[in-house]
PDB file of N, CA and C in Angstrom:
ATOM      1  N   MET A   1       0.851  -1.190   0.000  1.00  0.00           N
ATOM      2  CA  MET A   1       0.000   0.000   0.000  1.00  0.00           C
ATOM      3  C   MET A   1       0.893   1.249   0.000  1.00  0.00           C
ATOM      4  N   VAL A   2       1.851   1.291   0.927  1.00  0.00           N
ATOM      5  CA  VAL A   2       2.698   2.485   1.030  1.00  0.00           C
ATOM      6  C   VAL A   2       3.551   2.633  -0.226  1.00  0.00           C
ATOM      7  N   THR A   3       4.159   1.521  -0.668  1.00  0.00           N
ATOM      8  CA  THR A   3       5.028   1.610  -1.849  1.00  0.00           C
ATOM      9  C   THR A   3       4.211   1.999  -3.081  1.00  0.00           C
ATOM     10  N   ALA A   4       2.988   1.491  -3.191  1.00  0.00           N
ATOM     11  CA  ALA A   4       2.148   1.820  -4.346  1.00  0.00           C
ATOM     12  C   ALA A   4       1.816   3.305  -4.352  1.00  0.00           C
ATOM     13  N   SER A   5       1.469   3.854  -3.186  1.00  0.00           N
ATOM     14  CA  SER A   5       1.128   5.278  -3.132  1.00  0.00           C
ATOM     15  C   SER A   5       2.354   6.124  -3.448  1.00  0.00           C
ATOM     16  N   ILE A   6       3.513   5.721  -2.950  1.00  0.00           N
ATOM     17  CA  ILE A   6       4.741   6.477  -3.219  1.00  0.00           C
ATOM     18  C   ILE A   6       5.050   6.445  -4.712  1.00  0.00           C
ATOM     19  N   SER A   7       4.941   5.275  -5.325  1.00  0.00           N
ATOM     20  CA  SER A   7       5.232   5.175  -6.761  1.00  0.00           C
ATOM     21  C   SER A   7       4.245   6.010  -7.567  1.00  0.00           C
ATOM     22  N   ALA A   8       2.979   6.008  -7.162  1.00  0.00           N
ATOM     23  CA  ALA A   8       1.984   6.823  -7.874  1.00  0.00           C
ATOM     24  C   ALA A   8       2.311   8.300  -7.737  1.00  0.00           C
ATOM     25  N   ALA A   9       2.730   8.706  -6.533  1.00  0.00           N
ATOM     26  CA  ALA A   9       3.099  10.113  -6.320  1.00  0.00           C
ATOM     27  C   ALA A   9       4.293  10.479  -7.190  1.00  0.00           C
ATOM     28  N   ILE A  10       5.282   9.588  -7.262  1.00  0.00           N
ATOM     29  CA  ILE A  10       6.462   9.860  -8.092  1.00  0.00           C
ATOM     30  C   ILE A  10       6.044  10.021  -9.550  1.00  0.00           C
ATOM     31  N   GLY A  11       5.172   9.149 -10.029  1.00  0.00           N
ATOM     32  CA  GLY A  11       4.715   9.253 -11.418  1.00  0.00           C
ATOM     33  C   GLY A  11       4.010  10.573 -11.671  1.00  0.00           C
ATOM     34  N   ALA A  12       3.156  10.996 -10.718  1.00  0.00           N
ATOM     35  CA  ALA A  12       2.449  12.271 -10.887  1.00  0.00           C
ATOM     36  C   ALA A  12       3.441  13.427 -10.892  1.00  0.00           C
ATOM     37  N   ILE A  13       4.442  13.376  -9.991  1.00  0.00           N
ATOM     38  CA  ILE A  13       5.443  14.443  -9.931  1.00  0.00           C
ATOM     39  C   ILE A  13       6.198  14.524 -11.253  1.00  0.00           C
ATOM     40  N   VAL A  14       6.554  13.368 -11.815  1.00  0.00           N
ATOM     41  CA  VAL A  14       7.295  13.365 -13.093  1.00  0.00           C
ATOM     42  C   VAL A  14       6.456  14.012 -14.183  1.00  0.00           C
ATOM     43  N   VAL A  15       5.169  13.658 -14.247  1.00  0.00           N
ATOM     44  CA  VAL A  15       4.292  14.233 -15.281  1.00  0.00           C
ATOM     45  C   VAL A  15       4.184  15.742 -15.095  1.00  0.00           C
ATOM     46  N   VAL A  16       4.010  16.197 -13.849  1.00  0.00           N
ATOM     47  CA  VAL A  16       3.889  17.639 -13.585  1.00  0.00           C
ATOM     48  C   VAL A  16       5.182  18.345 -13.962  1.00  0.00           C
ATOM     49  N   ALA A  17       6.324  17.762 -13.593  1.00  0.00           N
ATOM     50  CA  ALA A  17       7.612  18.386 -13.918  1.00  0.00           C
ATOM     51  C   ALA A  17       7.768  18.525 -15.427  1.00  0.00           C
ATOM     52  N   GLN A  18       7.352  17.518 -16.176  1.00  0.00           N
ATOM     53  CA  GLN A  18       7.467  17.589 -17.639  1.00  0.00           C
ATOM     54  C   GLN A  18       6.579  18.699 -18.186  1.00  0.00           C
ATOM     55  N   SER A  19       5.355  18.814 -17.673  1.00  0.00           N
ATOM     56  CA  SER A  19       4.447  19.838 -18.185  1.00  0.00           C
ATOM     57  C   SER A  19       5.010  21.225 -17.886  1.00  0.00           C
ATOM     58  N   VAL A  20       5.614  21.404 -16.700  1.00  0.00           N
ATOM     59  CA  VAL A  20       6.171  22.708 -16.337  1.00  0.00           C
ATOM     60  C   VAL A  20       7.378  23.019 -17.226  1.00  0.00           C
ATOM     61  N   GLN A  21       8.233  22.029 -17.461  1.00  0.00           N
ATOM     62  CA  GLN A  21       9.436  22.260 -18.261  1.00  0.00           C
ATOM     63  C   GLN A  21       9.105  22.384 -19.747  1.00  0.00           C
ATOM     64  N   GLY A  22       7.929  21.956 -20.162  1.00  0.00           N
ATOM     65  CA  GLY A  22       7.576  22.047 -21.571  1.00  0.00           C
ATOM     66  C   GLY A  22       8.133  20.890 -22.387  1.00  0.00           C
ATOM     67  N   LYS A  23       8.213  19.699 -21.782  1.00  0.00           N
ATOM     68  CA  LYS A  23       8.675  18.496 -22.492  1.00  0.00           C
ATOM     69  C   LYS A  23      10.027  18.751 -23.173  1.00  0.00           C
ATOM     70  N   PRO A  24      11.131  18.666 -22.434  1.00  0.00           N
ATOM     71  CA  PRO A  24      12.470  18.950 -22.968  1.00  0.00           C
ATOM     72  C   PRO A  24      12.799  18.167 -24.227  1.00  0.00           C
ATOM     73  N   THR A  25      12.825  16.822 -24.133  1.00  0.00           N
ATOM     74  CA  THR A  25      13.135  16.005 -25.313  1.00  0.00           C
ATOM     75  C   THR A  25      12.040  14.960 -25.477  1.00  0.00           C
ATOM     76  N   PRO A  26      11.550  14.752 -26.696  1.00  0.00           N
ATOM     77  CA  PRO A  26      10.451  13.800 -26.875  1.00  0.00           C
ATOM     78  C   PRO A  26      10.810  12.389 -26.430  1.00  0.00           C
ATOM     79  N   ALA A  27      12.054  11.958 -26.668  1.00  0.00           N
ATOM     80  CA  ALA A  27      12.439  10.587 -26.324  1.00  0.00           C
ATOM     81  C   ALA A  27      12.370  10.388 -24.798  1.00  0.00           C
ATOM     82  N   LEU A  28      13.100  11.236 -24.057  1.00  0.00           N
ATOM     83  CA  LEU A  28      13.102  11.094 -22.593  1.00  0.00           C
ATOM     84  C   LEU A  28      11.709  11.363 -22.038  1.00  0.00           C
ATOM     85  N   GLY A  29      11.043  12.398 -22.554  1.00  0.00           N
ATOM     86  CA  GLY A  29       9.706  12.717 -22.053  1.00  0.00           C
ATOM     87  C   GLY A  29       8.758  11.552 -22.254  1.00  0.00           C
ATOM     88  N   GLY A  30       8.760  10.969 -23.460  1.00  0.00           N
ATOM     89  CA  GLY A  30       7.871   9.851 -23.717  1.00  0.00           C
ATOM     90  C   GLY A  30       8.185   8.665 -22.822  1.00  0.00           C
ATOM     91  N   ALA A  31       9.483   8.412 -22.601  1.00  0.00           N
ATOM     92  CA  ALA A  31       9.877   7.288 -21.747  1.00  0.00           C
ATOM     93  C   ALA A  31       9.361   7.509 -20.330  1.00  0.00           C
ATOM     94  N   PHE A  32       9.533   8.744 -19.810  1.00  0.00           N
ATOM     95  CA  PHE A  32       9.078   9.016 -18.443  1.00  0.00           C
ATOM     96  C   PHE A  32       7.557   8.909 -18.354  1.00  0.00           C
ATOM     97  N   VAL A  33       6.865   9.392 -19.368  1.00  0.00           N
ATOM     98  CA  VAL A  33       5.398   9.310 -19.344  1.00  0.00           C
ATOM     99  C   VAL A  33       4.961   7.851 -19.337  1.00  0.00           C
ATOM    100  N   VAL A  34       5.575   7.035 -20.199  1.00  0.00           N
ATOM    101  CA  VAL A  34       5.210   5.614 -20.257  1.00  0.00           C
ATOM    102  C   VAL A  34       5.482   4.948 -18.913  1.00  0.00           C
ATOM    103  N   ILE A  35       6.654   5.254 -18.332  1.00  0.00           N
ATOM    104  CA  ILE A  35       6.998   4.655 -17.031  1.00  0.00           C
ATOM    105  C   ILE A  35       5.994   5.097 -15.975  1.00  0.00           C
ATOM    106  N   GLY A  36       5.653   6.390 -15.982  1.00  0.00           N
ATOM    107  CA  GLY A  36       4.701   6.903 -14.997  1.00  0.00           C
ATOM    108  C   GLY A  36       3.340   6.232 -15.129  1.00  0.00           C
ATOM    109  N   VAL A  37       2.878   6.104 -16.364  1.00  0.00           N
ATOM    110  CA  VAL A  37       1.566   5.463 -16.581  1.00  0.00           C
ATOM    111  C   VAL A  37       1.617   4.009 -16.130  1.00  0.00           C
ATOM    112  N   ALA A  38       2.706   3.307 -16.456  1.00  0.00           N
ATOM    113  CA  ALA A  38       2.827   1.903 -16.053  1.00  0.00           C
ATOM    114  C   ALA A  38       2.819   1.784 -14.534  1.00  0.00           C
ATOM    115  N   ILE A  39       3.557   2.672 -13.859  1.00  0.00           N
ATOM    116  CA  ILE A  39       3.597   2.631 -12.382  1.00  0.00           C
ATOM    117  C   ILE A  39       2.200   2.892 -11.822  1.00  0.00           C
ATOM    118  N   LEU A  40       1.499   3.870 -12.391  1.00  0.00           N
ATOM    119  CA  LEU A  40       0.152   4.184 -11.893  1.00  0.00           C
ATOM    120  C   LEU A  40      -0.773   2.989 -12.072  1.00  0.00           C
ATOM    121  N   THR A  41      -0.743   2.362 -13.254  1.00  0.00           N
ATOM    122  CA  THR A  41      -1.630   1.226 -13.494  1.00  0.00           C
ATOM    123  C   THR A  41      -1.301   0.070 -12.541  1.00  0.00           C
ATOM    124  N   VAL A  42      -0.015  -0.205 -12.358  1.00  0.00           N
ATOM    125  CA  VAL A  42       0.387  -1.295 -11.454  1.00  0.00           C
ATOM    126  C   VAL A  42      -0.055  -0.969 -10.032  1.00  0.00           C
ATOM    127  N   ALA A  43       0.127   0.288  -9.612  1.00  0.00           N
ATOM    128  CA  ALA A  43      -0.264   0.673  -8.254  1.00  0.00           C
ATOM    129  C   ALA A  43      -1.765   0.505  -8.063  1.00  0.00           C
ATOM    130  N   VAL A  44      -2.548   0.924  -9.056  1.00  0.00           N
ATOM    131  CA  VAL A  44      -4.011   0.797  -8.938  1.00  0.00           C
ATOM    132  C   VAL A  44      -4.409  -0.671  -8.853  1.00  0.00           C
ATOM    133  N   VAL A  45      -3.809  -1.510  -9.697  1.00  0.00           N
ATOM    134  CA  VAL A  45      -4.153  -2.938  -9.685  1.00  0.00           C
ATOM    135  C   VAL A  45      -3.771  -3.562  -8.347  1.00  0.00           C
ATOM    136  N   LEU A  46      -2.572  -3.233  -7.860  1.00  0.00           N
ATOM    137  CA  LEU A  46      -2.136  -3.811  -6.585  1.00  0.00           C
ATOM    138  C   LEU A  46      -3.056  -3.351  -5.454  1.00  0.00           C
ATOM    139  N   ASN A  47      -3.418  -2.075  -5.435  1.00  0.00           N
ATOM    140  CA  ASN A  47      -4.310  -1.571  -4.391  1.00  0.00           C
ATOM    141  C   ASN A  47      -5.655  -2.283  -4.447  1.00  0.00           C
ATOM    142  N   ALA A  48      -6.192  -2.465  -5.654  1.00  0.00           N
ATOM    143  CA  ALA A  48      -7.488  -3.134  -5.789  1.00  0.00           C
ATOM    144  C   ALA A  48      -7.392  -4.565  -5.266  1.00  0.00           C
ATOM    145  N   ARG A  49      -6.328  -5.272  -5.647  1.00  0.00           N
ATOM    146  CA  ARG A  49      -6.190  -6.665  -5.204  1.00  0.00           C
ATOM    147  C   ARG A  49      -6.038  -6.739  -3.696  1.00  0.00           C
ATOM    148  N   VAL A  50      -5.207  -5.876  -3.123  1.00  0.00           N
ATOM    149  CA  VAL A  50      -4.990  -5.915  -1.676  1.00  0.00           C
ATOM    150  C   VAL A  50      -6.286  -5.606  -0.941  1.00  0.00           C
ATOM    151  N   ARG A  51      -7.029  -4.601  -1.414  1.00  0.00           N
ATOM    152  CA  ARG A  51      -8.277  -4.238  -0.738  1.00  0.00           C
ATOM    153  C   ARG A  51      -9.288  -5.374  -0.835  1.00  0.00           C
ATOM    154  N   ARG A  52      -9.386  -6.011  -2.016  1.00  0.00           N
ATOM    155  CA  ARG A  52     -10.335  -7.110  -2.164  1.00  0.00           C
ATOM    156  C   ARG A  52      -9.971  -8.249  -1.229  1.00  0.00           C
ATOM    157  N   ARG A  53      -8.688  -8.617  -1.178  1.00  0.00           N
ATOM    158  CA  ARG A  53      -8.267  -9.714  -0.292  1.00  0.00           C
ATOM    159  C   ARG A  53      -8.540  -9.349   1.161  1.00  0.00           C
ATOM    160  N   GLY A  54      -8.245  -8.101   1.535  1.00  0.00           N
ATOM    161  CA  GLY A  54      -8.480  -7.677   2.915  1.00  0.00           C
ATOM    162  C   GLY A  54      -9.951  -7.755   3.266  1.00  0.00           C
ATOM    163  N   ASN A  55     -10.805  -7.287   2.359  1.00  0.00           N
ATOM    164  CA  ASN A  55     -12.246  -7.327   2.624  1.00  0.00           C
ATOM    165  C   ASN A  55     -12.722  -8.769   2.769  1.00  0.00           C
ATOM    166  N   GLN A  56     -12.241  -9.665   1.910  1.00  0.00           N
ATOM    167  CA  GLN A  56     -12.653 -11.060   1.992  1.00  0.00           C
ATOM    168  C   GLN A  56     -12.207 -11.661   3.324  1.00  0.00           C
ATOM    169  N   ARG A  57     -10.991 -11.356   3.734  1.00  0.00           N
ATOM    170  CA  ARG A  57     -10.505 -11.909   5.002  1.00  0.00           C
ATOM    171  C   ARG A  57     -11.342 -11.392   6.159  1.00  0.00           C
ATOM    172  N   VAL A  58     -11.661 -10.107   6.129  1.00  0.00           N
ATOM    173  CA  VAL A  58     -12.449  -9.542   7.231  1.00  0.00           C
ATOM    174  C   VAL A  58     -13.842 -10.167   7.263  1.00  0.00           C
ATOM    175  N   ARG A  59     -14.458 -10.338   6.088  1.00  0.00           N
ATOM    176  CA  ARG A  59     -15.799 -10.909   6.046  1.00  0.00           C
ATOM    177  C   ARG A  59     -15.793 -12.346   6.536  1.00  0.00           C
ATOM    178  N   ARG A  60     -14.783 -13.117   6.128  1.00  0.00           N
ATOM    179  CA  ARG A  60     -14.720 -14.515   6.546  1.00  0.00           C
ATOM    180  C   ARG A  60     -14.312 -14.592   8.016  1.00  0.00           C
TER     181      ARG A  60
END
């Protein structure tokens, strides 16, 4: 949970930094955007799975 939130925050910070800088180089910018999106998607999936497992354990 903590690592997922931290990774999501890092991805958001990278995207914001790129928008402020005006996308310095397309290659590096695109790579960072792809990495950020991948981290966000992985974090969301992990959070969903952890929450579902936790809810099932609590209910049982």
